[in-house]
């Protein structure tokens, strides 16, 4: 099993969720996060005063999938989250050694 972690723009969340549902990948965890990468924040003007926003709001998605679904999930996530602009985000793929569904005790891919 693999865990795909994606840090994306918040306005792309619905598009990514719908794209994952279309390829029968369900069960995502979503967390609101802040951070910066190459863009190193940005400047905003509020009531005539200029403010430096160092941490950009993002959304972190975590999806645990079977090994066979990895290529599909990565392709769908990158396509749906891409705007072509700086700050689109990142994808990380990790190995998951074990998964257990607490309610039923199912293990492995069945638990996902």
PDB file of N, CA and C in Angstrom:
ATOM      1  N   UNK A   1       0.846  -1.184   0.000  1.00  0.00           N
ATOM      2  CA  UNK A   1       0.000   0.000   0.000  1.00  0.00           C
ATOM      3  C   UNK A   1       0.884   1.237   0.000  1.00  0.00           C
ATOM      4  N   UNK A   2       0.328   2.305  -0.505  1.00  0.00           N
ATOM      5  CA  UNK A   2       1.027   3.583  -0.579  1.00  0.00           C
ATOM      6  C   UNK A   2       0.156   4.679   0.011  1.00  0.00           C
ATOM      7  N   UNK A   3       0.808   5.706   0.541  1.00  0.00           N
ATOM      8  CA  UNK A   3       0.108   6.914   0.949  1.00  0.00           C
ATOM      9  C   UNK A   3       0.590   8.037   0.043  1.00  0.00           C
ATOM     10  N   UNK A   4      -0.357   8.679  -0.612  1.00  0.00           N
ATOM     11  CA  UNK A   4      -0.047   9.840  -1.426  1.00  0.00           C
ATOM     12  C   UNK A   4      -0.468  11.062  -0.618  1.00  0.00           C
ATOM     13  N   UNK A   5       0.496  11.929  -0.356  1.00  0.00           N
ATOM     14  CA  UNK A   5       0.238  13.178   0.349  1.00  0.00           C
ATOM     15  C   UNK A   5       0.401  14.301  -0.652  1.00  0.00           C
ATOM     16  N   UNK A   6      -0.614  15.116  -0.757  1.00  0.00           N
ATOM     17  CA  UNK A   6      -0.586  16.238  -1.706  1.00  0.00           C
ATOM     18  C   UNK A   6      -0.828  17.528  -0.946  1.00  0.00           C
ATOM     19  N   UNK A   7       0.008  18.519  -1.193  1.00  0.00           N
ATOM     20  CA  UNK A   7      -0.186  19.856  -0.648  1.00  0.00           C
ATOM     21  C   UNK A   7      -0.562  20.725  -1.837  1.00  0.00           C
ATOM     22  N   UNK A   8      -1.817  21.207  -1.839  1.00  0.00           N
ATOM     23  CA  UNK A   8      -2.362  21.903  -3.008  1.00  0.00           C
ATOM     24  C   UNK A   8      -3.036  23.208  -2.601  1.00  0.00           C
ATOM     25  N   UNK A   9      -3.423  23.977  -3.599  1.00  0.00           N
ATOM     26  CA  UNK A   9      -4.183  25.197  -3.355  1.00  0.00           C
ATOM     27  C   UNK A   9      -5.602  24.851  -2.904  1.00  0.00           C
ATOM     28  N   UNK A  10      -6.126  25.591  -1.926  1.00  0.00           N
ATOM     29  CA  UNK A  10      -7.471  25.289  -1.411  1.00  0.00           C
ATOM     30  C   UNK A  10      -8.567  25.320  -2.475  1.00  0.00           C
ATOM     31  N   UNK A  11      -8.463  26.209  -3.447  1.00  0.00           N
ATOM     32  CA  UNK A  11      -9.522  26.322  -4.459  1.00  0.00           C
ATOM     33  C   UNK A  11      -9.540  25.127  -5.416  1.00  0.00           C
ATOM     34  N   UNK A  12      -8.535  24.268  -5.362  1.00  0.00           N
ATOM     35  CA  UNK A  12      -8.491  23.081  -6.211  1.00  0.00           C
ATOM     36  C   UNK A  12      -9.043  21.836  -5.504  1.00  0.00           C
ATOM     37  N   UNK A  13      -9.420  21.959  -4.244  1.00  0.00           N
ATOM     38  CA  UNK A  13      -9.847  20.801  -3.454  1.00  0.00           C
ATOM     39  C   UNK A  13     -11.035  20.064  -4.069  1.00  0.00           C
ATOM     40  N   UNK A  14     -12.088  20.763  -4.431  1.00  0.00           N
ATOM     41  CA  UNK A  14     -13.270  20.100  -5.002  1.00  0.00           C
ATOM     42  C   UNK A  14     -12.951  19.415  -6.321  1.00  0.00           C
ATOM     43  N   UNK A  15     -12.148  20.059  -7.131  1.00  0.00           N
ATOM     44  CA  UNK A  15     -11.767  19.479  -8.414  1.00  0.00           C
ATOM     45  C   UNK A  15     -10.966  18.185  -8.220  1.00  0.00           C
ATOM     46  N   UNK A  16     -10.050  18.203  -7.259  1.00  0.00           N
ATOM     47  CA  UNK A  16      -9.246  17.014  -6.971  1.00  0.00           C
ATOM     48  C   UNK A  16     -10.119  15.900  -6.402  1.00  0.00           C
ATOM     49  N   UNK A  17     -10.995  16.239  -5.468  1.00  0.00           N
ATOM     50  CA  UNK A  17     -11.884  15.229  -4.870  1.00  0.00           C
ATOM     51  C   UNK A  17     -12.773  14.585  -5.923  1.00  0.00           C
ATOM     52  N   UNK A  18     -13.344  15.389  -6.812  1.00  0.00           N
ATOM     53  CA  UNK A  18     -14.188  14.848  -7.874  1.00  0.00           C
ATOM     54  C   UNK A  18     -13.399  13.961  -8.829  1.00  0.00           C
ATOM     55  N   UNK A  19     -12.181  14.359  -9.153  1.00  0.00           N
ATOM     56  CA  UNK A  19     -11.343  13.561 -10.054  1.00  0.00           C
ATOM     57  C   UNK A  19     -10.988  12.220  -9.422  1.00  0.00           C
ATOM     58  N   UNK A  20     -10.692  12.215  -8.130  1.00  0.00           N
ATOM     59  CA  UNK A  20     -10.392  10.950  -7.438  1.00  0.00           C
ATOM     60  C   UNK A  20     -11.624  10.047  -7.395  1.00  0.00           C
ATOM     61  N   UNK A  21     -12.793  10.626  -7.146  1.00  0.00           N
ATOM     62  CA  UNK A  21     -14.035   9.840  -7.131  1.00  0.00           C
ATOM     63  C   UNK A  21     -14.317   9.196  -8.480  1.00  0.00           C
ATOM     64  N   UNK A  22     -13.985   9.873  -9.568  1.00  0.00           N
ATOM     65  CA  UNK A  22     -14.239   9.341 -10.906  1.00  0.00           C
ATOM     66  C   UNK A  22     -13.406   8.106 -11.209  1.00  0.00           C
ATOM     67  N   UNK A  23     -12.263   7.944 -10.545  1.00  0.00           N
ATOM     68  CA  UNK A  23     -11.426   6.756 -10.756  1.00  0.00           C
ATOM     69  C   UNK A  23     -11.524   5.795  -9.563  1.00  0.00           C
ATOM     70  N   UNK A  24     -12.631   5.897  -8.819  1.00  0.00           N
ATOM     71  CA  UNK A  24     -12.942   5.010  -7.692  1.00  0.00           C
ATOM     72  C   UNK A  24     -11.890   5.016  -6.588  1.00  0.00           C
ATOM     73  N   UNK A  25     -11.336   6.180  -6.322  1.00  0.00           N
ATOM     74  CA  UNK A  25     -10.459   6.347  -5.161  1.00  0.00           C
ATOM     75  C   UNK A  25     -11.218   7.204  -4.173  1.00  0.00           C
ATOM     76  N   UNK A  26     -11.547   6.611  -3.047  1.00  0.00           N
ATOM     77  CA  UNK A  26     -12.325   7.305  -2.028  1.00  0.00           C
ATOM     78  C   UNK A  26     -11.550   7.269  -0.716  1.00  0.00           C
ATOM     79  N   UNK A  27     -11.994   8.035   0.225  1.00  0.00           N
ATOM     80  CA  UNK A  27     -11.374   8.025   1.533  1.00  0.00           C
ATOM     81  C   UNK A  27     -10.142   8.902   1.592  1.00  0.00           C
ATOM     82  N   UNK A  28     -10.350  10.210   1.626  1.00  0.00           N
ATOM     83  CA  UNK A  28      -9.220  11.123   1.740  1.00  0.00           C
ATOM     84  C   UNK A  28      -9.308  11.850   3.074  1.00  0.00           C
ATOM     85  N   UNK A  29      -8.173  12.243   3.577  1.00  0.00           N
ATOM     86  CA  UNK A  29      -8.096  13.078   4.769  1.00  0.00           C
ATOM     87  C   UNK A  29      -7.607  14.446   4.330  1.00  0.00           C
ATOM     88  N   UNK A  30      -8.296  15.490   4.783  1.00  0.00           N
ATOM     89  CA  UNK A  30      -7.973  16.852   4.369  1.00  0.00           C
ATOM     90  C   UNK A  30      -7.622  17.675   5.607  1.00  0.00           C
ATOM     91  N   UNK A  31      -6.511  18.398   5.520  1.00  0.00           N
ATOM     92  CA  UNK A  31      -6.061  19.264   6.602  1.00  0.00           C
ATOM     93  C   UNK A  31      -5.717  20.627   6.025  1.00  0.00           C
ATOM     94  N   UNK A  32      -6.161  21.687   6.693  1.00  0.00           N
ATOM     95  CA  UNK A  32      -5.772  23.033   6.276  1.00  0.00           C
ATOM     96  C   UNK A  32      -4.401  23.318   6.874  1.00  0.00           C
ATOM     97  N   UNK A  33      -3.459  23.714   6.011  1.00  0.00           N
ATOM     98  CA  UNK A  33      -2.093  23.974   6.448  1.00  0.00           C
ATOM     99  C   UNK A  33      -1.613  25.310   5.883  1.00  0.00           C
ATOM    100  N   UNK A  34      -0.479  25.777   6.370  1.00  0.00           N
ATOM    101  CA  UNK A  34       0.164  26.969   5.833  1.00  0.00           C
ATOM    102  C   UNK A  34       1.623  26.641   5.590  1.00  0.00           C
ATOM    103  N   UNK A  35       2.205  27.258   4.587  1.00  0.00           N
ATOM    104  CA  UNK A  35       3.609  27.031   4.322  1.00  0.00           C
ATOM    105  C   UNK A  35       4.091  27.899   3.184  1.00  0.00           C
ATOM    106  N   UNK A  36       5.341  27.680   2.801  1.00  0.00           N
ATOM    107  CA  UNK A  36       5.877  28.380   1.646  1.00  0.00           C
ATOM    108  C   UNK A  36       6.935  27.511   0.994  1.00  0.00           C
ATOM    109  N   UNK A  37       7.085  27.723  -0.283  1.00  0.00           N
ATOM    110  CA  UNK A  37       8.091  27.022  -1.063  1.00  0.00           C
ATOM    111  C   UNK A  37       8.939  28.042  -1.778  1.00  0.00           C
ATOM    112  N   UNK A  38       9.072  27.870  -3.059  1.00  0.00           N
ATOM    113  CA  UNK A  38       9.891  28.803  -3.840  1.00  0.00           C
ATOM    114  C   UNK A  38       9.320  30.205  -3.898  1.00  0.00           C
ATOM    115  N   UNK A  39       7.984  30.329  -3.757  1.00  0.00           N
ATOM    116  CA  UNK A  39       7.384  31.655  -3.867  1.00  0.00           C
ATOM    117  C   UNK A  39       7.673  32.512  -2.637  1.00  0.00           C
ATOM    118  N   UNK A  40       8.018  31.894  -1.511  1.00  0.00           N
ATOM    119  CA  UNK A  40       8.398  32.592  -0.280  1.00  0.00           C
ATOM    120  C   UNK A  40       7.356  33.628   0.156  1.00  0.00           C
ATOM    121  N   UNK A  41       6.086  33.255   0.085  1.00  0.00           N
ATOM    122  CA  UNK A  41       5.023  34.157   0.506  1.00  0.00           C
ATOM    123  C   UNK A  41       4.706  35.197  -0.565  1.00  0.00           C
ATOM    124  N   UNK A  42       3.908  36.198  -0.172  1.00  0.00           N
ATOM    125  CA  UNK A  42       3.541  37.257  -1.102  1.00  0.00           C
ATOM    126  C   UNK A  42       3.148  38.510  -0.326  1.00  0.00           C
ATOM    127  N   UNK A  43       2.942  39.603  -1.034  1.00  0.00           N
ATOM    128  CA  UNK A  43       2.577  40.873  -0.421  1.00  0.00           C
ATOM    129  C   UNK A  43       1.119  41.180  -0.744  1.00  0.00           C
ATOM    130  N   UNK A  44       0.396  41.648   0.274  1.00  0.00           N
ATOM    131  CA  UNK A  44      -0.990  42.067   0.084  1.00  0.00           C
ATOM    132  C   UNK A  44      -1.150  43.484   0.601  1.00  0.00           C
ATOM    133  N   UNK A  45      -2.117  44.195   0.037  1.00  0.00           N
ATOM    134  CA  UNK A  45      -2.410  45.551   0.492  1.00  0.00           C
ATOM    135  C   UNK A  45      -3.803  45.543   1.114  1.00  0.00           C
ATOM    136  N   UNK A  46      -3.892  46.030   2.362  1.00  0.00           N
ATOM    137  CA  UNK A  46      -5.162  46.091   3.080  1.00  0.00           C
ATOM    138  C   UNK A  46      -5.309  47.495   3.649  1.00  0.00           C
ATOM    139  N   UNK A  47      -6.339  48.198   3.199  1.00  0.00           N
ATOM    140  CA  UNK A  47      -6.620  49.572   3.632  1.00  0.00           C
ATOM    141  C   UNK A  47      -5.406  50.481   3.466  1.00  0.00           C
ATOM    142  N   UNK A  48      -4.744  50.317   2.353  1.00  0.00           N
ATOM    143  CA  UNK A  48      -3.624  51.184   2.020  1.00  0.00           C
ATOM    144  C   UNK A  48      -2.290  50.784   2.620  1.00  0.00           C
ATOM    145  N   UNK A  49      -2.303  49.813   3.518  1.00  0.00           N
ATOM    146  CA  UNK A  49      -1.049  49.354   4.125  1.00  0.00           C
ATOM    147  C   UNK A  49      -0.618  48.042   3.466  1.00  0.00           C
ATOM    148  N   UNK A  50       0.666  47.902   3.267  1.00  0.00           N
ATOM    149  CA  UNK A  50       1.227  46.714   2.621  1.00  0.00           C
ATOM    150  C   UNK A  50       1.655  45.711   3.687  1.00  0.00           C
ATOM    151  N   UNK A  51       1.237  44.452   3.526  1.00  0.00           N
ATOM    152  CA  UNK A  51       1.570  43.396   4.473  1.00  0.00           C
ATOM    153  C   UNK A  51       2.292  42.267   3.752  1.00  0.00           C
ATOM    154  N   UNK A  52       3.307  41.737   4.384  1.00  0.00           N
ATOM    155  CA  UNK A  52       4.020  40.580   3.841  1.00  0.00           C
ATOM    156  C   UNK A  52       3.380  39.318   4.411  1.00  0.00           C
ATOM    157  N   UNK A  53       2.828  38.478   3.563  1.00  0.00           N
ATOM    158  CA  UNK A  53       2.245  37.199   3.963  1.00  0.00           C
ATOM    159  C   UNK A  53       3.310  36.138   3.721  1.00  0.00           C
ATOM    160  N   UNK A  54       3.917  35.654   4.788  1.00  0.00           N
ATOM    161  CA  UNK A  54       5.031  34.716   4.643  1.00  0.00           C
ATOM    162  C   UNK A  54       4.572  33.277   4.424  1.00  0.00           C
ATOM    163  N   UNK A  55       3.446  32.908   5.022  1.00  0.00           N
ATOM    164  CA  UNK A  55       2.947  31.541   4.885  1.00  0.00           C
ATOM    165  C   UNK A  55       1.665  31.560   4.073  1.00  0.00           C
ATOM    166  N   UNK A  56       1.662  30.813   2.981  1.00  0.00           N
ATOM    167  CA  UNK A  56       0.521  30.744   2.087  1.00  0.00           C
ATOM    168  C   UNK A  56      -0.421  29.638   2.542  1.00  0.00           C
ATOM    169  N   UNK A  57      -1.739  29.891   2.614  1.00  0.00           N
ATOM    170  CA  UNK A  57      -2.675  28.836   2.981  1.00  0.00           C
ATOM    171  C   UNK A  57      -2.727  27.757   1.901  1.00  0.00           C
ATOM    172  N   UNK A  58      -2.680  26.517   2.336  1.00  0.00           N
ATOM    173  CA  UNK A  58      -2.744  25.356   1.448  1.00  0.00           C
ATOM    174  C   UNK A  58      -3.654  24.312   2.073  1.00  0.00           C
ATOM    175  N   UNK A  59      -3.913  23.257   1.319  1.00  0.00           N
ATOM    176  CA  UNK A  59      -4.677  22.115   1.814  1.00  0.00           C
ATOM    177  C   UNK A  59      -3.800  20.880   1.638  1.00  0.00           C
ATOM    178  N   UNK A  60      -3.732  20.060   2.688  1.00  0.00           N
ATOM    179  CA  UNK A  60      -2.968  18.819   2.603  1.00  0.00           C
ATOM    180  C   UNK A  60      -3.948  17.650   2.529  1.00  0.00           C
ATOM    181  N   UNK A  61      -3.821  16.851   1.466  1.00  0.00           N
ATOM    182  CA  UNK A  61      -4.649  15.662   1.273  1.00  0.00           C
ATOM    183  C   UNK A  61      -3.801  14.427   1.524  1.00  0.00           C
ATOM    184  N   UNK A  62      -4.377  13.451   2.186  1.00  0.00           N
ATOM    185  CA  UNK A  62      -3.707  12.171   2.369  1.00  0.00           C
ATOM    186  C   UNK A  62      -4.640  11.078   1.878  1.00  0.00           C
ATOM    187  N   UNK A  63      -4.122  10.226   0.992  1.00  0.00           N
ATOM    188  CA  UNK A  63      -4.905   9.141   0.413  1.00  0.00           C
ATOM    189  C   UNK A  63      -4.078   7.871   0.514  1.00  0.00           C
ATOM    190  N   UNK A  64      -4.640   6.836   1.153  1.00  0.00           N
ATOM    191  CA  UNK A  64      -3.976   5.536   1.211  1.00  0.00           C
ATOM    192  C   UNK A  64      -4.632   4.639   0.169  1.00  0.00           C
ATOM    193  N   UNK A  65      -3.794   4.039  -0.688  1.00  0.00           N
ATOM    194  CA  UNK A  65      -4.305   3.266  -1.816  1.00  0.00           C
ATOM    195  C   UNK A  65      -3.511   1.979  -1.990  1.00  0.00           C
ATOM    196  N   UNK A  66      -4.083   1.072  -2.758  1.00  0.00           N
ATOM    197  CA  UNK A  66      -3.370  -0.155  -3.133  1.00  0.00           C
ATOM    198  C   UNK A  66      -2.259   0.205  -4.106  1.00  0.00           C
ATOM    199  N   UNK A  67      -1.213  -0.610  -4.132  1.00  0.00           N
ATOM    200  CA  UNK A  67      -0.067  -0.357  -5.013  1.00  0.00           C
ATOM    201  C   UNK A  67      -0.490  -0.211  -6.476  1.00  0.00           C
ATOM    202  N   UNK A  68      -1.492  -0.998  -6.893  1.00  0.00           N
ATOM    203  CA  UNK A  68      -1.932  -0.977  -8.286  1.00  0.00           C
ATOM    204  C   UNK A  68      -2.570   0.358  -8.677  1.00  0.00           C
ATOM    205  N   UNK A  69      -3.081   1.111  -7.701  1.00  0.00           N
ATOM    206  CA  UNK A  69      -3.751   2.373  -7.984  1.00  0.00           C
ATOM    207  C   UNK A  69      -2.800   3.571  -7.986  1.00  0.00           C
ATOM    208  N   UNK A  70      -1.538   3.354  -7.648  1.00  0.00           N
ATOM    209  CA  UNK A  70      -0.608   4.465  -7.463  1.00  0.00           C
ATOM    210  C   UNK A  70      -0.471   5.334  -8.707  1.00  0.00           C
ATOM    211  N   UNK A  71      -0.184   4.750  -9.842  1.00  0.00           N
ATOM    212  CA  UNK A  71       0.029   5.545 -11.060  1.00  0.00           C
ATOM    213  C   UNK A  71      -1.212   6.350 -11.422  1.00  0.00           C
ATOM    214  N   UNK A  72      -2.377   5.723 -11.292  1.00  0.00           N
ATOM    215  CA  UNK A  72      -3.632   6.426 -11.586  1.00  0.00           C
ATOM    216  C   UNK A  72      -3.837   7.587 -10.628  1.00  0.00           C
ATOM    217  N   UNK A  73      -3.613   7.347  -9.338  1.00  0.00           N
ATOM    218  CA  UNK A  73      -3.821   8.396  -8.334  1.00  0.00           C
ATOM    219  C   UNK A  73      -2.887   9.576  -8.561  1.00  0.00           C
ATOM    220  N   UNK A  74      -1.628   9.307  -8.831  1.00  0.00           N
ATOM    221  CA  UNK A  74      -0.661  10.378  -9.054  1.00  0.00           C
ATOM    222  C   UNK A  74      -1.034  11.183 -10.298  1.00  0.00           C
ATOM    223  N   UNK A  75      -1.410  10.494 -11.361  1.00  0.00           N
ATOM    224  CA  UNK A  75      -1.790  11.179 -12.599  1.00  0.00           C
ATOM    225  C   UNK A  75      -3.019  12.056 -12.392  1.00  0.00           C
ATOM    226  N   UNK A  76      -4.028  11.512 -11.739  1.00  0.00           N
ATOM    227  CA  UNK A  76      -5.274  12.252 -11.506  1.00  0.00           C
ATOM    228  C   UNK A  76      -5.027  13.451 -10.594  1.00  0.00           C
ATOM    229  N   UNK A  77      -4.264  13.249  -9.526  1.00  0.00           N
ATOM    230  CA  UNK A  77      -3.981  14.340  -8.593  1.00  0.00           C
ATOM    231  C   UNK A  77      -3.208  15.475  -9.261  1.00  0.00           C
ATOM    232  N   UNK A  78      -2.167  15.139  -9.986  1.00  0.00           N
ATOM    233  CA  UNK A  78      -1.369  16.196 -10.609  1.00  0.00           C
ATOM    234  C   UNK A  78      -2.167  16.949 -11.669  1.00  0.00           C
ATOM    235  N   UNK A  79      -2.957  16.236 -12.437  1.00  0.00           N
ATOM    236  CA  UNK A  79      -3.752  16.885 -13.483  1.00  0.00           C
ATOM    237  C   UNK A  79      -4.816  17.808 -12.881  1.00  0.00           C
ATOM    238  N   UNK A  80      -5.506  17.325 -11.842  1.00  0.00           N
ATOM    239  CA  UNK A  80      -6.589  18.114 -11.243  1.00  0.00           C
ATOM    240  C   UNK A  80      -6.070  19.289 -10.422  1.00  0.00           C
ATOM    241  N   UNK A  81      -4.901  19.164  -9.817  1.00  0.00           N
ATOM    242  CA  UNK A  81      -4.377  20.226  -8.951  1.00  0.00           C
ATOM    243  C   UNK A  81      -3.564  21.265  -9.706  1.00  0.00           C
ATOM    244  N   UNK A  82      -3.183  20.980 -10.931  1.00  0.00           N
ATOM    245  CA  UNK A  82      -2.302  21.877 -11.687  1.00  0.00           C
ATOM    246  C   UNK A  82      -3.054  23.087 -12.244  1.00  0.00           C
ATOM    247  N   UNK A  83      -2.495  24.262 -11.980  1.00  0.00           N
ATOM    248  CA  UNK A  83      -3.005  25.482 -12.606  1.00  0.00           C
ATOM    249  C   UNK A  83      -1.960  26.045 -13.561  1.00  0.00           C
ATOM    250  N   UNK A  84      -0.725  25.566 -13.442  1.00  0.00           N
ATOM    251  CA  UNK A  84       0.350  26.053 -14.277  1.00  0.00           C
ATOM    252  C   UNK A  84       1.051  27.272 -13.705  1.00  0.00           C
ATOM    253  N   UNK A  85       0.658  27.679 -12.507  1.00  0.00           N
ATOM    254  CA  UNK A  85       1.248  28.847 -11.869  1.00  0.00           C
ATOM    255  C   UNK A  85       2.134  28.419 -10.710  1.00  0.00           C
ATOM    256  N   UNK A  86       3.023  29.307 -10.312  1.00  0.00           N
ATOM    257  CA  UNK A  86       3.880  29.075  -9.163  1.00  0.00           C
ATOM    258  C   UNK A  86       3.027  28.811  -7.936  1.00  0.00           C
ATOM    259  N   UNK A  87       3.386  27.798  -7.142  1.00  0.00           N
ATOM    260  CA  UNK A  87       2.644  27.509  -5.917  1.00  0.00           C
ATOM    261  C   UNK A  87       1.573  26.456  -6.066  1.00  0.00           C
ATOM    262  N   UNK A  88       1.593  25.673  -7.145  1.00  0.00           N
ATOM    263  CA  UNK A  88       0.589  24.617  -7.337  1.00  0.00           C
ATOM    264  C   UNK A  88       0.672  23.539  -6.262  1.00  0.00           C
ATOM    265  N   UNK A  89       1.835  23.316  -5.679  1.00  0.00           N
ATOM    266  CA  UNK A  89       1.953  22.362  -4.594  1.00  0.00           C
ATOM    267  C   UNK A  89       2.912  21.233  -4.894  1.00  0.00           C
ATOM    268  N   UNK A  90       2.826  20.198  -4.049  1.00  0.00           N
ATOM    269  CA  UNK A  90       3.726  19.052  -4.154  1.00  0.00           C
ATOM    270  C   UNK A  90       2.951  17.769  -3.874  1.00  0.00           C
ATOM    271  N   UNK A  91       3.492  16.666  -4.405  1.00  0.00           N
ATOM    272  CA  UNK A  91       2.983  15.316  -4.117  1.00  0.00           C
ATOM    273  C   UNK A  91       4.115  14.507  -3.500  1.00  0.00           C
ATOM    274  N   UNK A  92       3.783  13.730  -2.485  1.00  0.00           N
ATOM    275  CA  UNK A  92       4.744  12.839  -1.860  1.00  0.00           C
ATOM    276  C   UNK A  92       4.135  11.449  -1.797  1.00  0.00           C
ATOM    277  N   UNK A  93       4.925  10.429  -2.073  1.00  0.00           N
ATOM    278  CA  UNK A  93       4.452   9.050  -2.022  1.00  0.00           C
ATOM    279  C   UNK A  93       5.260   8.318  -0.948  1.00  0.00           C
ATOM    280  N   UNK A  94       4.548   7.675  -0.016  1.00  0.00           N
ATOM    281  CA  UNK A  94       5.174   6.929   1.079  1.00  0.00           C
ATOM    282  C   UNK A  94       4.671   5.498   1.090  1.00  0.00           C
ATOM    283  N   UNK A  95       5.477   4.628   1.604  1.00  0.00           N
ATOM    284  CA  UNK A  95       5.097   3.228   1.774  1.00  0.00           C
ATOM    285  C   UNK A  95       4.304   3.080   3.077  1.00  0.00           C
ATOM    286  N   UNK A  96       3.205   2.335   3.019  1.00  0.00           N
ATOM    287  CA  UNK A  96       2.413   2.024   4.205  1.00  0.00           C
ATOM    288  C   UNK A  96       2.589   0.543   4.504  1.00  0.00           C
ATOM    289  N   UNK A  97       3.091   0.224   5.667  1.00  0.00           N
ATOM    290  CA  UNK A  97       3.360  -1.175   6.012  1.00  0.00           C
ATOM    291  C   UNK A  97       2.116  -1.909   6.481  1.00  0.00           C
ATOM    292  N   UNK A  98       1.211  -1.201   7.137  1.00  0.00           N
ATOM    293  CA  UNK A  98       0.025  -1.883   7.652  1.00  0.00           C
ATOM    294  C   UNK A  98      -1.113  -0.888   7.820  1.00  0.00           C
ATOM    295  N   UNK A  99      -2.333  -1.359   7.594  1.00  0.00           N
ATOM    296  CA  UNK A  99      -3.545  -0.572   7.835  1.00  0.00           C
ATOM    297  C   UNK A  99      -4.556  -1.490   8.505  1.00  0.00           C
ATOM    298  N   UNK A 100      -5.241  -0.965   9.507  1.00  0.00           N
ATOM    299  CA  UNK A 100      -6.244  -1.746  10.244  1.00  0.00           C
ATOM    300  C   UNK A 100      -7.492  -0.891  10.387  1.00  0.00           C
ATOM    301  N   UNK A 101      -8.635  -1.464  10.009  1.00  0.00           N
ATOM    302  CA  UNK A 101      -9.918  -0.786  10.235  1.00  0.00           C
ATOM    303  C   UNK A 101     -10.316  -1.081  11.676  1.00  0.00           C
ATOM    304  N   UNK A 102     -10.429  -0.062  12.476  1.00  0.00           N
ATOM    305  CA  UNK A 102     -10.681  -0.230  13.905  1.00  0.00           C
ATOM    306  C   UNK A 102     -12.007  -0.930  14.173  1.00  0.00           C
ATOM    307  N   UNK A 103     -13.055  -0.548  13.468  1.00  0.00           N
ATOM    308  CA  UNK A 103     -14.390  -1.083  13.724  1.00  0.00           C
ATOM    309  C   UNK A 103     -14.472  -2.591  13.502  1.00  0.00           C
ATOM    310  N   UNK A 104     -13.875  -3.095  12.397  1.00  0.00           N
ATOM    311  CA  UNK A 104     -14.046  -4.495  12.033  1.00  0.00           C
ATOM    312  C   UNK A 104     -12.805  -5.349  12.225  1.00  0.00           C
ATOM    313  N   UNK A 105     -11.644  -4.713  12.376  1.00  0.00           N
ATOM    314  CA  UNK A 105     -10.405  -5.460  12.492  1.00  0.00           C
ATOM    315  C   UNK A 105      -9.809  -5.873  11.153  1.00  0.00           C
ATOM    316  N   UNK A 106     -10.423  -5.454  10.050  1.00  0.00           N
ATOM    317  CA  UNK A 106      -9.867  -5.781   8.723  1.00  0.00           C
ATOM    318  C   UNK A 106      -8.471  -5.193   8.614  1.00  0.00           C
ATOM    319  N   UNK A 107      -7.626  -5.886   7.841  1.00  0.00           N
ATOM    320  CA  UNK A 107      -6.253  -5.443   7.690  1.00  0.00           C
ATOM    321  C   UNK A 107      -5.869  -5.313   6.220  1.00  0.00           C
ATOM    322  N   UNK A 108      -4.789  -4.566   5.985  1.00  0.00           N
ATOM    323  CA  UNK A 108      -4.262  -4.397   4.639  1.00  0.00           C
ATOM    324  C   UNK A 108      -5.179  -3.572   3.755  1.00  0.00           C
ATOM    325  N   UNK A 109      -5.210  -3.929   2.476  1.00  0.00           N
ATOM    326  CA  UNK A 109      -5.994  -3.192   1.489  1.00  0.00           C
ATOM    327  C   UNK A 109      -7.488  -3.234   1.832  1.00  0.00           C
ATOM    328  N   UNK A 110      -7.946  -4.317   2.448  1.00  0.00           N
ATOM    329  CA  UNK A 110      -9.360  -4.421   2.841  1.00  0.00           C
ATOM    330  C   UNK A 110      -9.745  -3.336   3.850  1.00  0.00           C
ATOM    331  N   UNK A 111      -8.790  -2.897   4.643  1.00  0.00           N
ATOM    332  CA  UNK A 111      -9.066  -1.858   5.643  1.00  0.00           C
ATOM    333  C   UNK A 111      -9.193  -0.475   5.007  1.00  0.00           C
ATOM    334  N   UNK A 112      -8.628  -0.337   3.829  1.00  0.00           N
ATOM    335  CA  UNK A 112      -8.669   0.966   3.159  1.00  0.00           C
ATOM    336  C   UNK A 112      -9.977   1.087   2.420  1.00  0.00           C
TER     337      UNK A 112
END
